[in-house]
Amino acid sequence: MAEPASYDVVVLGGGVNGAGVARDCAMRGLSVLLLERRDLAAGASGASSGMIHGGIRYMLSDRKVTELACRDAGFIRRIAPHLVFRIPFIMPFASRAEEATLLERAAWYATEVYVGTYDLYQPLKGGRPSTRLTPGEMYALEPSLRPGLGGAVTLDEWGIDGQRLCLLNALSAESHGARIRTWTEGTGVVRDGGRVVGVRWRDGLTGEHGEARAAVVLNATGAWSPLWGRRSGVEVPMRPGKGVHLSLDRRFSNYGIICKAVDGRQMFLMPHEDESIIGTTDDDYYGDPDDLEATSDEVAYLLEGVESLVPAVRRARVTRAWCGVRTTLYEYGKVEDALSREHQLLDHAAEGARGLFSFVGGKLASYRAQSEEVTDHLLAFLGKAPRPCRTHEEPLPGGDEVPDPVELARRHGVGAGAAARLVYRQGSRAREVLALADEDPRLKLAVCRDEGILAAEVVFVARHEKVRRLQDLRRRCRLAIAGCGGLDCARIGAQLVAHELGWDADQLRAELADLLEVNWRERRTVLDGWQLAEEELLRAVHRGLGGL
């Protein structure tokens, strides 16, 4: 057992809120330990819709949520400019003007007023104001929409890789003195009477275990918060909601399209990096967060909703169905998508656990502001003098500059597409990655052609981005996540990581089998006849050649 170490704050949970709090606390001079039982962003932060958006649908009931998210989206664009990209959305009207009923005309007017009100928040996040499109203008932009629509309004949002956003916050926290431990579970709290004075932990990969003493323990474990709370003798009220997304193997359009599901819920089809995403469901979930998988009914529900506006989506190839659990605040009686996206910091002192706090709710887009609020509270609890927050000013790693990918491709002799994807993921750190390729030209090999992953990037993230399992590379650089499902890249990526981390042949095979199993859980619900044949080929290649 490791000797107990002492910290000001122990953060449980490596999602974006846990990583954001760890970063802010460390930047304000507190000693911090972050424990994550799996990998960074392995929960809801990595399974979000991948947007830092204001949430136009929250304006009627949660105007404060919309304003906070828009303001913070502007700050995220400042500190991670390489990781953010614009997604213009189209919201079509159902009927043409000459055919519209009085009620439909009233609905058009209400929609324009509603979207126009959202325009008041666009300057906070650098978005463009809405525009009314005639049917001709709408179809010129998006010809795949079904015929007979009466035009549309537009609105602006920003996309982001939520997994890398989470990672960069953890790396920044570490650079300011925090200690980050992944694949390490907090197994229970350490008490001194009615006060929590630390946690017990266990490393799931090495078996190492120990205690960490701290004046504050923050439970930021997301969907696992109620479970961890009961383990600690406290209650964490929450109404978890399951959200399912589908990925298409390419960009279906350069515009996001807002649709309605058969039950009237709002949905979307949107471009995201090199693929398209369909989302999302919102259903109460009372199961085990570790046993989360999309069902065929949920896949059909999403496709049906998008098909009502974009019939050609049925001809697109769905590559995976992935899901997460929203940690929405508990409220009885409301339908799921009407629940508040507000956040709360729960103090468990009244339950005999002074020093234990739980964070519940919130949105990815507001993580930085939420972390600032929590850190302010923890400083006051610790009796420390207030210290200014700088998380909106200091760039995240790689966010200080966005290099020109064309220039990088020319200078280092790599493909322009690979250079562009590398700059998107790494920002200014792309130069460090390509320096590895200059030292060893073999590292210019394209490991994954779909995602533009160079061997040099795999080596770089294995060395510098807290990789302990092969599946961690899915969240670092999207290894084995594209249409091939790992057929082109998993084995080569595994060999590169094994060399960097010192794995023997048995561990390499075990890690590769685990990665393929993770992929299989996301793919099996969406596979049809010919995709099943490809999956059989994929597994035969790895089992036959890799001895899995």
Protein backbone atom coordinates (compact mmCIF):
# COMPACT_ATOMS: atom_id res chain seq x y z
CA MET A 1 0.00 0.00 0.00
CA ALA A 2 1.29 3.44 -0.98
CA GLU A 3 2.00 5.96 1.75
CA PRO A 4 -0.83 8.48 2.27
CA ALA A 5 -0.33 11.76 0.45
CA SER A 6 -1.99 15.07 1.35
CA TYR A 7 -3.79 17.49 -0.96
CA ASP A 8 -6.10 20.45 -0.66
CA VAL A 9 -8.63 18.85 -3.03
CA VAL A 10 -9.25 15.34 -4.33
CA VAL A 11 -11.44 15.31 -7.44
CA LEU A 12 -13.23 12.07 -8.27
CA GLY A 13 -14.11 11.83 -11.95
CA GLY A 14 -12.16 12.67 -15.10
CA GLY A 15 -15.00 14.11 -17.15
CA VAL A 16 -14.94 17.70 -18.32
CA ASN A 17 -16.25 19.04 -15.00
CA GLY A 18 -13.72 17.11 -12.93
CA ALA A 19 -10.86 18.05 -15.25
CA GLY A 20 -12.07 21.66 -15.39
CA VAL A 21 -12.19 21.96 -11.60
CA ALA A 22 -8.77 20.32 -11.28
CA ARG A 23 -7.36 22.85 -13.74
CA ASP A 24 -8.92 25.88 -12.07
CA CYS A 25 -7.94 24.75 -8.55
CA ALA A 26 -4.35 24.07 -9.63
CA MET A 27 -4.09 27.41 -11.43
CA ARG A 28 -5.22 29.15 -8.23
CA GLY A 29 -2.52 27.49 -6.14
CA LEU A 30 -4.34 24.52 -4.61
CA SER A 31 -2.78 21.07 -4.49
CA VAL A 32 -5.01 18.66 -6.43
CA LEU A 33 -5.33 14.94 -7.08
CA LEU A 34 -7.76 13.77 -9.76
CA LEU A 35 -8.82 10.10 -9.80
CA GLU A 36 -10.63 8.58 -12.77
CA ARG A 37 -11.69 4.94 -12.61
CA ARG A 38 -11.44 4.56 -16.38
CA ASP A 39 -10.04 7.07 -18.86
CA LEU A 40 -10.53 10.80 -19.21
CA ALA A 41 -13.84 11.58 -20.98
CA ALA A 42 -14.89 7.92 -20.90
CA GLY A 43 -18.38 8.88 -19.69
CA ALA A 44 -20.85 11.56 -20.78
CA SER A 45 -18.16 14.11 -21.70
CA GLY A 46 -16.94 11.82 -24.45
CA ALA A 47 -20.45 10.82 -25.53
CA SER A 48 -21.94 14.30 -25.87
CA SER A 49 -23.19 15.78 -29.14
CA GLY A 50 -19.84 17.50 -29.52
CA MET A 51 -21.14 21.06 -29.45
CA ILE A 52 -20.45 24.10 -27.30
CA HIS A 53 -23.84 25.57 -28.07
CA GLY A 54 -26.12 27.91 -26.22
CA GLY A 55 -29.03 25.53 -26.30
CA ILE A 56 -31.72 27.43 -28.15
CA ARG A 57 -34.41 25.07 -26.81
CA TYR A 58 -33.63 26.09 -23.21
CA MET A 59 -34.53 29.76 -23.71
CA LEU A 60 -38.14 29.45 -22.59
CA SER A 61 -37.42 27.70 -19.30
CA ASP A 62 -33.68 28.15 -18.63
CA ARG A 63 -32.64 31.49 -20.14
CA LYS A 64 -29.73 31.62 -17.69
CA VAL A 65 -28.45 28.29 -19.03
CA THR A 66 -28.48 29.65 -22.58
CA GLU A 67 -26.65 32.85 -21.65
CA LEU A 68 -24.02 31.05 -19.56
CA ALA A 69 -23.37 28.48 -22.30
CA CYS A 70 -23.05 31.15 -25.00
CA ARG A 71 -20.68 33.24 -22.89
CA ASP A 72 -18.52 30.25 -22.04
CA ALA A 73 -18.50 29.07 -25.65
CA GLY A 74 -16.83 32.38 -26.49
CA PHE A 75 -14.16 31.74 -23.87
CA ILE A 76 -13.60 28.18 -25.10
CA ARG A 77 -13.03 29.54 -28.60
CA ARG A 78 -10.38 31.81 -27.10
CA ILE A 79 -8.47 29.14 -25.16
CA ALA A 80 -8.78 26.29 -27.69
CA PRO A 81 -9.26 27.91 -31.12
CA HIS A 82 -7.87 24.90 -32.99
CA LEU A 83 -10.50 22.56 -31.51
CA VAL A 84 -13.61 24.57 -32.41
CA PHE A 85 -15.41 24.70 -35.77
CA ARG A 86 -18.56 26.43 -36.97
CA ILE A 87 -21.76 24.47 -37.66
CA PRO A 88 -24.46 26.50 -39.41
CA PHE A 89 -27.91 24.99 -38.83
CA ILE A 90 -31.02 25.07 -41.01
CA MET A 91 -34.47 24.88 -39.39
CA PRO A 92 -36.98 24.21 -42.22
CA PHE A 93 -40.66 25.18 -42.28
CA ALA A 94 -43.10 22.40 -43.09
CA SER A 95 -45.26 24.05 -45.79
CA ARG A 96 -44.87 26.63 -48.54
CA ALA A 97 -46.30 30.08 -47.90
CA GLU A 98 -49.11 29.75 -50.46
CA GLU A 99 -50.24 26.47 -48.86
CA ALA A 100 -49.78 27.39 -45.20
CA THR A 101 -52.69 27.56 -42.80
CA LEU A 102 -53.13 30.47 -40.45
CA LEU A 103 -51.78 28.30 -37.61
CA GLU A 104 -48.69 27.38 -39.65
CA ARG A 105 -48.07 31.04 -40.47
CA ALA A 106 -48.30 31.87 -36.77
CA ALA A 107 -45.80 29.08 -36.04
CA TRP A 108 -43.40 30.54 -38.64
CA TYR A 109 -43.63 33.95 -37.05
CA ALA A 110 -43.10 32.53 -33.56
CA THR A 111 -40.06 30.58 -34.77
CA GLU A 112 -38.51 33.67 -36.36
CA VAL A 113 -39.08 35.68 -33.16
CA TYR A 114 -37.66 32.83 -31.08
CA VAL A 115 -34.53 32.45 -33.23
CA GLY A 116 -34.22 36.23 -33.41
CA THR A 117 -34.14 36.34 -29.61
CA TYR A 118 -31.36 33.74 -29.68
CA ASP A 119 -29.45 36.19 -31.90
CA LEU A 120 -29.05 38.42 -28.84
CA TYR A 121 -26.68 35.79 -27.40
CA GLN A 122 -24.74 35.06 -30.60
CA PRO A 123 -22.15 37.84 -30.03
CA LEU A 124 -21.14 36.15 -26.77
CA LYS A 125 -19.92 33.09 -28.67
CA GLY A 126 -18.98 34.72 -31.95
CA GLY A 127 -21.91 33.26 -33.87
CA ARG A 128 -23.61 34.82 -36.86
CA PRO A 129 -27.17 36.17 -36.71
CA SER A 130 -30.08 34.15 -38.05
CA THR A 131 -31.32 34.47 -41.63
CA ARG A 132 -34.69 33.75 -43.22
CA LEU A 133 -34.27 31.55 -46.30
CA THR A 134 -36.71 31.32 -49.18
CA PRO A 135 -37.43 27.80 -50.44
CA GLY A 136 -35.07 28.39 -53.38
CA GLU A 137 -32.26 29.56 -51.12
CA MET A 138 -32.83 26.66 -48.75
CA TYR A 139 -32.75 24.00 -51.48
CA ALA A 140 -29.68 25.60 -53.04
CA LEU A 141 -27.87 25.13 -49.72
CA GLU A 142 -29.29 21.70 -48.95
CA PRO A 143 -30.85 19.89 -51.94
CA SER A 144 -31.33 16.65 -49.96
CA LEU A 145 -34.29 18.13 -48.03
CA ARG A 146 -37.67 16.65 -48.97
CA PRO A 147 -39.70 18.58 -51.55
CA GLY A 148 -42.47 21.01 -50.64
CA LEU A 149 -40.89 22.79 -47.69
CA GLY A 150 -41.67 26.46 -47.15
CA GLY A 151 -38.19 27.84 -46.50
CA ALA A 152 -36.18 27.95 -43.31
CA VAL A 153 -34.37 30.01 -40.72
CA THR A 154 -30.71 29.56 -39.87
CA LEU A 155 -28.79 29.64 -36.61
CA ASP A 156 -25.13 29.29 -35.74
CA GLU A 157 -23.44 26.86 -33.35
CA TRP A 158 -19.91 25.62 -32.66
CA GLY A 159 -18.68 22.04 -32.72
CA ILE A 160 -15.85 20.62 -30.64
CA ASP A 161 -14.13 17.33 -29.83
CA GLY A 162 -15.33 16.92 -26.24
CA GLN A 163 -12.85 14.14 -25.53
CA ARG A 164 -9.85 16.25 -26.41
CA LEU A 165 -11.32 19.25 -24.58
CA CYS A 166 -11.41 17.11 -21.45
CA LEU A 167 -7.88 15.81 -22.01
CA LEU A 168 -6.43 19.29 -22.56
CA ASN A 169 -7.94 20.51 -19.29
CA ALA A 170 -6.33 17.58 -17.47
CA LEU A 171 -2.95 18.21 -19.14
CA SER A 172 -3.16 21.89 -18.23
CA ALA A 173 -4.03 20.99 -14.63
CA GLU A 174 -1.02 18.71 -14.51
CA SER A 175 1.26 21.43 -15.87
CA HIS A 176 0.11 23.60 -12.92
CA GLY A 177 0.99 20.93 -10.38
CA ALA A 178 -2.09 18.70 -10.20
CA ARG A 179 -1.65 14.95 -10.15
CA ILE A 180 -3.83 13.05 -12.62
CA ARG A 181 -4.40 9.31 -12.23
CA THR A 182 -6.49 7.46 -14.83
CA TRP A 183 -7.73 3.88 -14.49
CA THR A 184 -7.65 4.50 -10.73
CA GLU A 185 -10.84 4.23 -8.71
CA GLY A 186 -11.74 6.00 -5.50
CA THR A 187 -12.96 3.03 -3.43
CA GLY A 188 -14.29 4.94 -0.41
CA VAL A 189 -13.93 8.01 1.77
CA VAL A 190 -11.70 8.31 4.82
CA ARG A 191 -13.60 9.79 7.78
CA ASP A 192 -12.69 11.48 11.01
CA GLY A 193 -16.02 11.50 12.83
CA GLY A 194 -18.44 13.66 10.86
CA ARG A 195 -15.75 14.94 8.54
CA VAL A 196 -14.42 13.45 5.32
CA VAL A 197 -10.62 13.76 5.32
CA GLY A 198 -9.65 11.85 2.19
CA VAL A 199 -10.28 8.86 -0.05
CA ARG A 200 -9.00 5.35 -0.51
CA TRP A 201 -8.01 4.45 -4.06
CA ARG A 202 -6.96 1.48 -6.14
CA ASP A 203 -5.18 1.37 -9.51
CA GLY A 204 -7.18 -1.00 -11.71
CA LEU A 205 -4.23 -1.87 -13.94
CA THR A 206 -1.40 -2.39 -11.44
CA GLY A 207 -3.32 -3.24 -8.27
CA GLU A 208 -1.52 -0.49 -6.37
CA HIS A 209 -3.70 1.03 -3.65
CA GLY A 210 -3.46 3.74 -1.05
CA GLU A 211 -5.02 6.72 0.67
CA ALA A 212 -5.06 10.36 -0.27
CA ARG A 213 -5.79 12.83 2.53
CA ALA A 214 -7.54 16.07 1.62
CA ALA A 215 -9.56 18.85 3.20
CA VAL A 216 -12.06 18.62 0.33
CA VAL A 217 -13.33 15.67 -1.71
CA LEU A 218 -15.34 16.56 -4.82
CA ASN A 219 -17.57 13.87 -6.31
CA ALA A 220 -17.71 14.74 -10.02
CA THR A 221 -18.31 11.20 -11.26
CA GLY A 222 -21.28 12.05 -13.46
CA ALA A 223 -23.73 9.20 -13.88
CA TRP A 224 -21.90 7.30 -11.15
CA SER A 225 -22.40 10.11 -8.59
CA PRO A 226 -25.45 8.55 -6.84
CA LEU A 227 -23.64 5.20 -6.58
CA TRP A 228 -20.53 6.83 -5.18
CA GLY A 229 -22.64 8.92 -2.84
CA ARG A 230 -24.36 5.86 -1.37
CA ARG A 231 -20.95 4.25 -0.92
CA SER A 232 -20.00 7.33 1.09
CA GLY A 233 -23.22 7.41 3.12
CA VAL A 234 -24.84 10.40 1.39
CA GLU A 235 -27.57 10.96 -1.19
CA VAL A 236 -26.97 12.56 -4.59
CA PRO A 237 -30.38 13.17 -6.21
CA MET A 238 -30.26 12.97 -9.97
CA ARG A 239 -32.49 12.01 -12.87
CA PRO A 240 -30.15 10.30 -15.35
CA GLY A 241 -31.09 10.50 -19.01
CA LYS A 242 -29.80 8.27 -21.77
CA GLY A 243 -28.76 9.97 -24.98
CA VAL A 244 -28.01 7.96 -28.14
CA HIS A 245 -26.21 9.25 -31.24
CA LEU A 246 -25.50 7.69 -34.64
CA SER A 247 -22.38 8.32 -36.72
CA LEU A 248 -22.36 8.31 -40.52
CA ASP A 249 -19.17 7.38 -42.31
CA ARG A 250 -18.77 10.75 -44.05
CA ARG A 251 -20.09 14.30 -44.16
CA PHE A 252 -23.67 14.05 -45.39
CA SER A 253 -23.90 17.84 -45.63
CA ASN A 254 -21.96 20.93 -44.64
CA TYR A 255 -25.04 22.19 -42.76
CA GLY A 256 -26.78 20.95 -39.66
CA ILE A 257 -30.49 20.22 -40.13
CA ILE A 258 -32.93 20.52 -37.24
CA CYS A 259 -35.65 17.87 -37.43
CA LYS A 260 -38.53 16.59 -35.32
CA ALA A 261 -38.96 13.03 -34.12
CA VAL A 262 -42.25 11.20 -34.38
CA ASP A 263 -43.14 12.30 -30.82
CA GLY A 264 -42.29 15.96 -31.49
CA ARG A 265 -38.87 16.04 -29.85
CA GLN A 266 -36.20 18.11 -31.54
CA MET A 267 -33.40 16.22 -33.31
CA PHE A 268 -30.54 17.03 -35.67
CA LEU A 269 -28.36 15.76 -38.47
CA MET A 270 -25.09 17.67 -38.44
CA PRO A 271 -21.57 17.59 -39.87
CA HIS A 272 -18.90 16.92 -37.27
CA GLU A 273 -15.21 16.71 -38.16
CA ASP A 274 -15.00 14.13 -40.99
CA GLU A 275 -18.33 12.43 -40.31
CA SER A 276 -21.97 13.29 -39.61
CA ILE A 277 -23.90 12.79 -36.38
CA ILE A 278 -27.59 12.08 -35.85
CA GLY A 279 -28.93 12.80 -32.37
CA THR A 280 -30.27 12.50 -29.92
CA THR A 281 -32.62 10.55 -27.70
CA ASP A 282 -33.48 11.65 -24.17
CA ASP A 283 -34.96 8.93 -21.98
CA ASP A 284 -34.87 8.21 -18.26
CA TYR A 285 -32.21 5.62 -17.52
CA TYR A 286 -32.21 3.56 -14.35
CA GLY A 287 -29.69 0.91 -15.39
CA ASP A 288 -26.01 0.41 -14.70
CA PRO A 289 -23.97 3.22 -16.31
CA ASP A 290 -21.24 0.65 -16.98
CA ASP A 291 -23.64 -1.41 -19.10
CA LEU A 292 -24.83 1.19 -21.57
CA GLU A 293 -25.67 0.27 -25.14
CA ALA A 294 -27.96 1.57 -27.87
CA THR A 295 -30.95 -0.56 -28.86
CA SER A 296 -32.31 -1.22 -32.35
CA ASP A 297 -35.48 0.71 -31.38
CA GLU A 298 -33.44 3.80 -30.53
CA VAL A 299 -31.55 3.56 -33.83
CA ALA A 300 -34.84 3.28 -35.75
CA TYR A 301 -36.31 6.24 -33.82
CA LEU A 302 -33.39 8.49 -34.78
CA LEU A 303 -33.32 7.46 -38.43
CA GLU A 304 -37.10 7.87 -38.76
CA GLY A 305 -36.94 11.38 -37.34
CA VAL A 306 -34.24 12.54 -39.74
CA GLU A 307 -35.80 10.71 -42.69
CA SER A 308 -38.94 12.85 -42.32
CA LEU A 309 -36.91 15.81 -43.62
CA VAL A 310 -33.94 14.14 -45.32
CA PRO A 311 -35.17 10.98 -47.08
CA ALA A 312 -31.74 10.16 -48.52
CA VAL A 313 -30.36 9.49 -45.04
CA ARG A 314 -31.56 5.89 -45.41
CA ARG A 315 -28.91 5.40 -48.11
CA ALA A 316 -26.13 6.62 -45.81
CA ARG A 317 -23.92 4.18 -43.98
CA VAL A 318 -24.34 4.24 -40.20
CA THR A 319 -21.04 3.14 -38.68
CA ARG A 320 -21.81 3.12 -34.97
CA ALA A 321 -24.38 3.95 -32.30
CA TRP A 322 -22.92 5.47 -29.15
CA CYS A 323 -24.52 6.74 -25.99
CA GLY A 324 -23.99 8.45 -22.68
CA VAL A 325 -25.96 9.36 -19.57
CA ARG A 326 -26.86 13.00 -18.84
CA THR A 327 -26.63 13.94 -15.17
CA THR A 328 -29.73 16.12 -15.13
CA LEU A 329 -31.10 17.52 -11.89
CA TYR A 330 -33.86 15.52 -10.25
CA GLU A 331 -37.40 16.73 -10.87
CA TYR A 332 -40.55 14.66 -10.73
CA GLY A 333 -43.30 14.82 -13.34
CA LYS A 334 -41.61 16.49 -16.31
CA VAL A 335 -40.85 14.71 -19.57
CA GLU A 336 -37.16 14.03 -19.98
CA ASP A 337 -36.23 16.68 -22.54
CA ALA A 338 -37.97 19.39 -20.45
CA LEU A 339 -35.67 18.85 -17.46
CA SER A 340 -33.42 21.72 -16.45
CA ARG A 341 -29.82 21.80 -17.66
CA GLU A 342 -28.86 23.88 -14.63
CA HIS A 343 -26.10 22.65 -12.31
CA GLN A 344 -25.75 22.30 -8.54
CA LEU A 345 -22.92 21.90 -6.06
CA LEU A 346 -24.19 19.76 -3.18
CA ASP A 347 -22.62 20.15 0.28
CA HIS A 348 -23.00 16.92 2.28
CA ALA A 349 -22.11 18.43 5.67
CA ALA A 350 -25.70 18.08 6.89
CA GLU A 351 -25.49 14.33 6.17
CA GLY A 352 -22.48 13.93 8.44
CA ALA A 353 -19.90 14.25 5.68
CA ARG A 354 -18.37 17.71 6.04
CA GLY A 355 -15.74 18.25 3.36
CA LEU A 356 -17.56 16.10 0.76
CA PHE A 357 -19.22 17.86 -2.17
CA SER A 358 -20.99 16.55 -5.27
CA PHE A 359 -21.38 18.31 -8.61
CA VAL A 360 -24.56 17.50 -10.56
CA GLY A 361 -26.03 18.70 -13.87
CA GLY A 362 -24.63 21.30 -16.23
CA LYS A 363 -23.63 21.34 -19.88
CA LEU A 364 -20.39 20.70 -21.76
CA ALA A 365 -20.58 24.23 -23.17
CA SER A 366 -20.59 25.73 -19.65
CA TYR A 367 -17.94 23.52 -18.07
CA ARG A 368 -15.42 26.34 -17.58
CA ALA A 369 -17.87 28.66 -15.84
CA GLN A 370 -19.16 25.76 -13.75
CA SER A 371 -15.59 24.91 -12.72
CA GLU A 372 -14.93 28.53 -11.81
CA GLU A 373 -18.02 28.60 -9.58
CA VAL A 374 -17.02 25.35 -7.84
CA THR A 375 -13.44 26.53 -7.30
CA ASP A 376 -14.66 29.81 -5.81
CA HIS A 377 -16.74 27.81 -3.35
CA LEU A 378 -13.91 25.44 -2.45
CA LEU A 379 -11.51 28.33 -1.80
CA ALA A 380 -14.02 29.85 0.59
CA PHE A 381 -14.58 26.51 2.31
CA LEU A 382 -10.82 26.07 2.76
CA GLY A 383 -10.55 29.55 4.27
CA LYS A 384 -8.24 30.74 1.48
CA ALA A 385 -8.20 34.29 0.22
CA PRO A 386 -10.07 34.76 -3.07
CA ARG A 387 -7.80 34.37 -6.09
CA PRO A 388 -8.77 35.46 -9.62
CA CYS A 389 -9.76 32.81 -12.14
CA ARG A 390 -7.63 32.75 -15.29
CA THR A 391 -9.04 29.70 -17.07
CA HIS A 392 -10.73 31.94 -19.66
CA GLU A 393 -7.43 33.71 -20.43
CA GLU A 394 -4.70 31.05 -20.49
CA PRO A 395 -4.82 28.85 -23.60
CA LEU A 396 -5.18 25.13 -23.24
CA PRO A 397 -2.21 23.07 -24.52
CA GLY A 398 -1.85 23.75 -28.23
CA GLY A 399 -4.29 26.65 -28.13
CA ASP A 400 -1.72 29.44 -28.26
CA GLU A 401 -1.53 29.30 -32.07
CA VAL A 402 -3.21 27.53 -34.99
CA PRO A 403 -0.52 26.69 -37.59
CA ASP A 404 -1.26 26.68 -41.31
CA PRO A 405 -1.74 22.98 -42.22
CA VAL A 406 -0.78 23.57 -45.86
CA GLU A 407 2.54 25.05 -44.80
CA LEU A 408 3.14 22.20 -42.33
CA ALA A 409 2.36 19.61 -45.00
CA ARG A 410 4.82 21.22 -47.43
CA ARG A 411 7.57 21.67 -44.87
CA HIS A 412 7.40 18.19 -43.39
CA GLY A 413 6.42 16.16 -46.45
CA VAL A 414 3.10 14.77 -45.23
CA GLY A 415 -0.35 14.77 -46.81
CA ALA A 416 -2.37 17.97 -46.58
CA GLY A 417 -5.38 16.12 -45.17
CA ALA A 418 -3.32 14.47 -42.44
CA ALA A 419 -1.73 17.83 -41.57
CA ALA A 420 -5.16 19.48 -41.31
CA ARG A 421 -6.52 16.77 -39.00
CA LEU A 422 -3.34 16.93 -36.92
CA VAL A 423 -3.62 20.70 -36.49
CA TYR A 424 -7.26 20.31 -35.50
CA ARG A 425 -6.43 17.84 -32.74
CA GLN A 426 -3.10 19.26 -31.58
CA GLY A 427 -3.03 22.95 -32.47
CA SER A 428 0.49 24.36 -32.09
CA ARG A 429 1.66 20.99 -30.74
CA ALA A 430 1.36 19.66 -34.29
CA ARG A 431 4.89 20.97 -34.81
CA GLU A 432 6.16 18.69 -32.03
CA VAL A 433 4.42 15.72 -33.62
CA LEU A 434 5.91 16.41 -37.04
CA ALA A 435 9.36 16.92 -35.50
CA LEU A 436 9.15 13.24 -34.49
CA ALA A 437 8.38 12.36 -38.10
CA ASP A 438 11.37 14.39 -39.30
CA GLU A 439 13.62 12.47 -36.90
CA ASP A 440 12.23 9.12 -38.06
CA PRO A 441 10.59 9.29 -41.53
CA ARG A 442 8.88 5.94 -40.89
CA LEU A 443 6.54 7.84 -38.56
CA LYS A 444 5.07 9.66 -41.57
CA LEU A 445 3.10 6.49 -42.27
CA ALA A 446 -0.66 7.10 -42.34
CA VAL A 447 -2.00 4.71 -39.71
CA CYS A 448 -5.65 5.61 -40.41
CA ARG A 449 -6.53 7.14 -43.76
CA ASP A 450 -10.09 8.08 -42.75
CA GLU A 451 -8.99 10.18 -39.77
CA GLY A 452 -5.59 11.26 -41.13
CA ILE A 453 -3.70 9.72 -38.21
CA LEU A 454 0.05 9.59 -38.68
CA ALA A 455 2.24 7.10 -36.84
CA ALA A 456 4.02 10.11 -35.34
CA GLU A 457 0.77 11.25 -33.69
CA VAL A 458 0.19 7.82 -32.15
CA VAL A 459 3.71 7.88 -30.71
CA PHE A 460 3.28 11.45 -29.47
CA VAL A 461 0.01 10.81 -27.65
CA ALA A 462 1.37 7.58 -26.17
CA ARG A 463 4.28 9.57 -24.72
CA HIS A 464 2.57 12.79 -23.68
CA GLU A 465 -1.20 12.30 -23.30
CA LYS A 466 -1.61 9.87 -20.42
CA VAL A 467 -2.29 6.75 -22.49
CA ARG A 468 -2.44 3.55 -20.41
CA ARG A 469 -4.77 1.38 -22.51
CA LEU A 470 -5.04 0.98 -26.27
CA GLN A 471 -8.69 2.07 -26.12
CA ASP A 472 -7.47 5.44 -24.78
CA LEU A 473 -6.36 6.23 -28.34
CA ARG A 474 -10.01 6.26 -29.46
CA ARG A 475 -10.41 9.36 -27.30
CA ARG A 476 -7.02 10.91 -28.09
CA CYS A 477 -6.86 10.70 -31.88
CA ARG A 478 -9.93 8.66 -32.94
CA LEU A 479 -7.94 5.51 -33.66
CA ALA A 480 -10.23 2.70 -34.94
CA ILE A 481 -13.33 4.88 -34.67
CA ALA A 482 -13.96 5.66 -38.35
CA GLY A 483 -15.75 3.60 -40.98
CA CYS A 484 -13.16 0.83 -41.10
CA GLY A 485 -13.78 -0.02 -37.46
CA GLY A 486 -10.08 -0.68 -36.96
CA LEU A 487 -9.42 -2.83 -40.01
CA ASP A 488 -6.89 -0.35 -41.38
CA CYS A 489 -5.39 1.01 -38.19
CA ALA A 490 -5.94 -0.95 -34.97
CA ARG A 491 -3.12 -3.44 -35.37
CA ILE A 492 -0.49 -0.89 -36.44
CA GLY A 493 -1.61 1.50 -33.70
CA ALA A 494 -1.37 -1.29 -31.15
CA GLN A 495 2.17 -2.15 -32.19
CA LEU A 496 3.26 1.50 -31.92
CA VAL A 497 1.74 1.88 -28.45
CA ALA A 498 3.16 -1.46 -27.31
CA HIS A 499 6.64 -0.29 -28.28
CA GLU A 500 6.21 3.00 -26.41
CA LEU A 501 4.70 1.52 -23.25
CA GLY A 502 6.76 -1.66 -23.11
CA TRP A 503 3.95 -4.18 -23.60
CA ASP A 504 4.84 -7.79 -24.32
CA ALA A 505 3.08 -9.81 -27.03
CA ASP A 506 0.41 -11.15 -24.69
CA GLN A 507 -0.53 -7.68 -23.42
CA LEU A 508 -0.57 -6.33 -26.95
CA ARG A 509 -3.02 -9.02 -28.05
CA ALA A 510 -5.19 -8.46 -24.97
CA GLU A 511 -5.34 -4.71 -25.58
CA LEU A 512 -6.18 -5.18 -29.24
CA ALA A 513 -8.96 -7.62 -28.39
CA ASP A 514 -10.34 -5.15 -25.84
CA LEU A 515 -10.34 -2.32 -28.39
CA LEU A 516 -12.21 -4.43 -30.92
CA GLU A 517 -14.75 -5.42 -28.27
CA VAL A 518 -15.38 -1.75 -27.41
CA ASN A 519 -15.91 -1.05 -31.12
CA TRP A 520 -18.19 -4.06 -31.48
CA ARG A 521 -20.53 -2.83 -28.74
CA GLU A 522 -21.05 0.40 -30.68
CA ARG A 523 -21.35 -1.26 -34.09
CA ARG A 524 -23.48 -4.35 -33.62
CA THR A 525 -26.79 -2.47 -33.33
CA VAL A 526 -26.37 -0.74 -36.71
CA LEU A 527 -24.83 -3.47 -38.85
CA ASP A 528 -26.81 -4.73 -41.85
CA GLY A 529 -26.00 -7.61 -44.17
CA TRP A 530 -22.96 -6.30 -46.00
CA GLN A 531 -21.64 -4.48 -42.95
CA LEU A 532 -21.89 -7.73 -41.00
CA ALA A 533 -19.76 -9.36 -43.69
CA GLU A 534 -17.17 -6.60 -43.28
CA GLU A 535 -17.22 -7.06 -39.52
CA GLU A 536 -16.62 -10.78 -39.93
CA LEU A 537 -13.67 -9.97 -42.18
CA LEU A 538 -12.32 -7.50 -39.63
CA ARG A 539 -12.49 -10.04 -36.83
CA ALA A 540 -11.04 -12.81 -38.99
CA VAL A 541 -8.06 -10.61 -39.88
CA HIS A 542 -7.26 -9.84 -36.26
CA ARG A 543 -8.04 -13.30 -34.93
CA GLY A 544 -6.21 -15.08 -37.70
CA LEU A 545 -3.15 -12.89 -38.01
CA GLY A 546 -3.09 -11.57 -34.46
CA GLY A 547 -3.91 -14.77 -32.66
CA LEU A 548 -6.68 -13.12 -30.64
